[in-house]
């Protein structure tokens, strides 16, 4: 879920990862979101529509970290 921190209101529900999230990073314009999950995928989302734009499979044991 993406929530507005000021009001606590849920803005969007993002459905796609099959395991818990490890990292979340907003794009500079706050319209895109990157999430990395324990399912070894990185997903790029369009927040306004809750749609997945890209899914990247990491495939290895090491998990990428957002910087």
C-alpha atoms as a PDB file:
ATOM      1  CA  UNK A   1       0.000   0.000   0.000  1.00  0.00           C
ATOM      2  CA  UNK A   2       1.087   3.547  -0.655  1.00  0.00           C
ATOM      3  CA  UNK A   3      -0.075   5.924   2.061  1.00  0.00           C
ATOM      4  CA  UNK A   4      -0.075   9.694   2.458  1.00  0.00           C
ATOM      5  CA  UNK A   5       2.065  10.219   5.554  1.00  0.00           C
ATOM      6  CA  UNK A   6       0.329  13.466   6.513  1.00  0.00           C
ATOM      7  CA  UNK A   7      -3.217  12.134   6.527  1.00  0.00           C
ATOM      8  CA  UNK A   8      -2.581   8.398   6.866  1.00  0.00           C
ATOM      9  CA  UNK A   9      -4.890   7.825   3.899  1.00  0.00           C
ATOM     10  CA  UNK A  10      -4.159   4.891   1.592  1.00  0.00           C
ATOM     11  CA  UNK A  11      -3.386   6.312  -1.860  1.00  0.00           C
ATOM     12  CA  UNK A  12      -2.964   3.044  -3.788  1.00  0.00           C
ATOM     13  CA  UNK A  13      -2.756  -0.692  -3.267  1.00  0.00           C
ATOM     14  CA  UNK A  14       0.012  -2.235  -5.345  1.00  0.00           C
ATOM     15  CA  UNK A  15      -0.452  -5.931  -6.026  1.00  0.00           C
ATOM     16  CA  UNK A  16       2.313  -7.982  -7.601  1.00  0.00           C
ATOM     17  CA  UNK A  17       5.092  -9.084  -5.276  1.00  0.00           C
ATOM     18  CA  UNK A  18       4.821 -12.651  -3.968  1.00  0.00           C
ATOM     19  CA  UNK A  19       6.865 -11.994  -0.826  1.00  0.00           C
ATOM     20  CA  UNK A  20       7.646  -9.172   1.596  1.00  0.00           C
ATOM     21  CA  UNK A  21       9.216  -5.935   0.352  1.00  0.00           C
ATOM     22  CA  UNK A  22      12.817  -5.109   1.187  1.00  0.00           C
ATOM     23  CA  UNK A  23      13.248  -1.688  -0.427  1.00  0.00           C
ATOM     24  CA  UNK A  24      11.066   1.116  -1.768  1.00  0.00           C
ATOM     25  CA  UNK A  25      12.194   4.189  -3.693  1.00  0.00           C
ATOM     26  CA  UNK A  26      10.094   7.016  -5.153  1.00  0.00           C
ATOM     27  CA  UNK A  27      11.037   8.689  -8.420  1.00  0.00           C
ATOM     28  CA  UNK A  28      11.938  12.386  -8.415  1.00  0.00           C
ATOM     29  CA  UNK A  29       8.485  13.389  -9.711  1.00  0.00           C
ATOM     30  CA  UNK A  30       6.660  11.124  -7.201  1.00  0.00           C
ATOM     31  CA  UNK A  31       4.774   9.479 -10.070  1.00  0.00           C
ATOM     32  CA  UNK A  32       6.878   6.299 -10.218  1.00  0.00           C
ATOM     33  CA  UNK A  33       7.871   3.869  -7.510  1.00  0.00           C
ATOM     34  CA  UNK A  34      10.489   1.116  -7.494  1.00  0.00           C
ATOM     35  CA  UNK A  35      10.033  -1.802  -5.109  1.00  0.00           C
ATOM     36  CA  UNK A  36      12.318  -4.749  -4.409  1.00  0.00           C
ATOM     37  CA  UNK A  37      10.912  -7.846  -2.782  1.00  0.00           C
ATOM     38  CA  UNK A  38      12.020 -11.088  -1.200  1.00  0.00           C
ATOM     39  CA  UNK A  39      10.565 -12.753  -4.306  1.00  0.00           C
ATOM     40  CA  UNK A  40      13.782 -11.576  -6.038  1.00  0.00           C
ATOM     41  CA  UNK A  41      12.001  -9.116  -8.304  1.00  0.00           C
ATOM     42  CA  UNK A  42      12.278  -5.382  -8.727  1.00  0.00           C
ATOM     43  CA  UNK A  43       9.092  -3.706  -9.934  1.00  0.00           C
ATOM     44  CA  UNK A  44       8.590  -0.247 -11.377  1.00  0.00           C
ATOM     45  CA  UNK A  45       5.089   1.116 -10.751  1.00  0.00           C
ATOM     46  CA  UNK A  46       3.025   4.064 -11.957  1.00  0.00           C
ATOM     47  CA  UNK A  47       1.507   5.198  -8.666  1.00  0.00           C
ATOM     48  CA  UNK A  48      -1.587   6.962 -10.056  1.00  0.00           C
ATOM     49  CA  UNK A  49      -2.880   3.814 -11.763  1.00  0.00           C
ATOM     50  CA  UNK A  50      -1.231   1.150  -9.544  1.00  0.00           C
ATOM     51  CA  UNK A  51       0.067  -0.435 -12.733  1.00  0.00           C
ATOM     52  CA  UNK A  52       3.330  -2.338 -13.082  1.00  0.00           C
ATOM     53  CA  UNK A  53       5.500  -0.859 -15.836  1.00  0.00           C
ATOM     54  CA  UNK A  54       8.465  -3.243 -15.563  1.00  0.00           C
ATOM     55  CA  UNK A  55       9.398  -6.397 -13.665  1.00  0.00           C
ATOM     56  CA  UNK A  56      13.072  -7.279 -13.312  1.00  0.00           C
ATOM     57  CA  UNK A  57      14.072 -10.759 -12.130  1.00  0.00           C
ATOM     58  CA  UNK A  58      17.252 -10.679 -10.054  1.00  0.00           C
ATOM     59  CA  UNK A  59      17.700 -14.444 -10.322  1.00  0.00           C
ATOM     60  CA  UNK A  60      20.610 -14.698  -7.875  1.00  0.00           C
ATOM     61  CA  UNK A  61      21.067 -15.124  -4.162  1.00  0.00           C
ATOM     62  CA  UNK A  62      22.391 -11.593  -3.713  1.00  0.00           C
ATOM     63  CA  UNK A  63      19.684  -8.975  -3.548  1.00  0.00           C
ATOM     64  CA  UNK A  64      20.081  -5.515  -5.097  1.00  0.00           C
ATOM     65  CA  UNK A  65      19.995  -2.509  -2.775  1.00  0.00           C
ATOM     66  CA  UNK A  66      18.582   0.853  -3.819  1.00  0.00           C
ATOM     67  CA  UNK A  67      20.947   3.751  -3.302  1.00  0.00           C
END
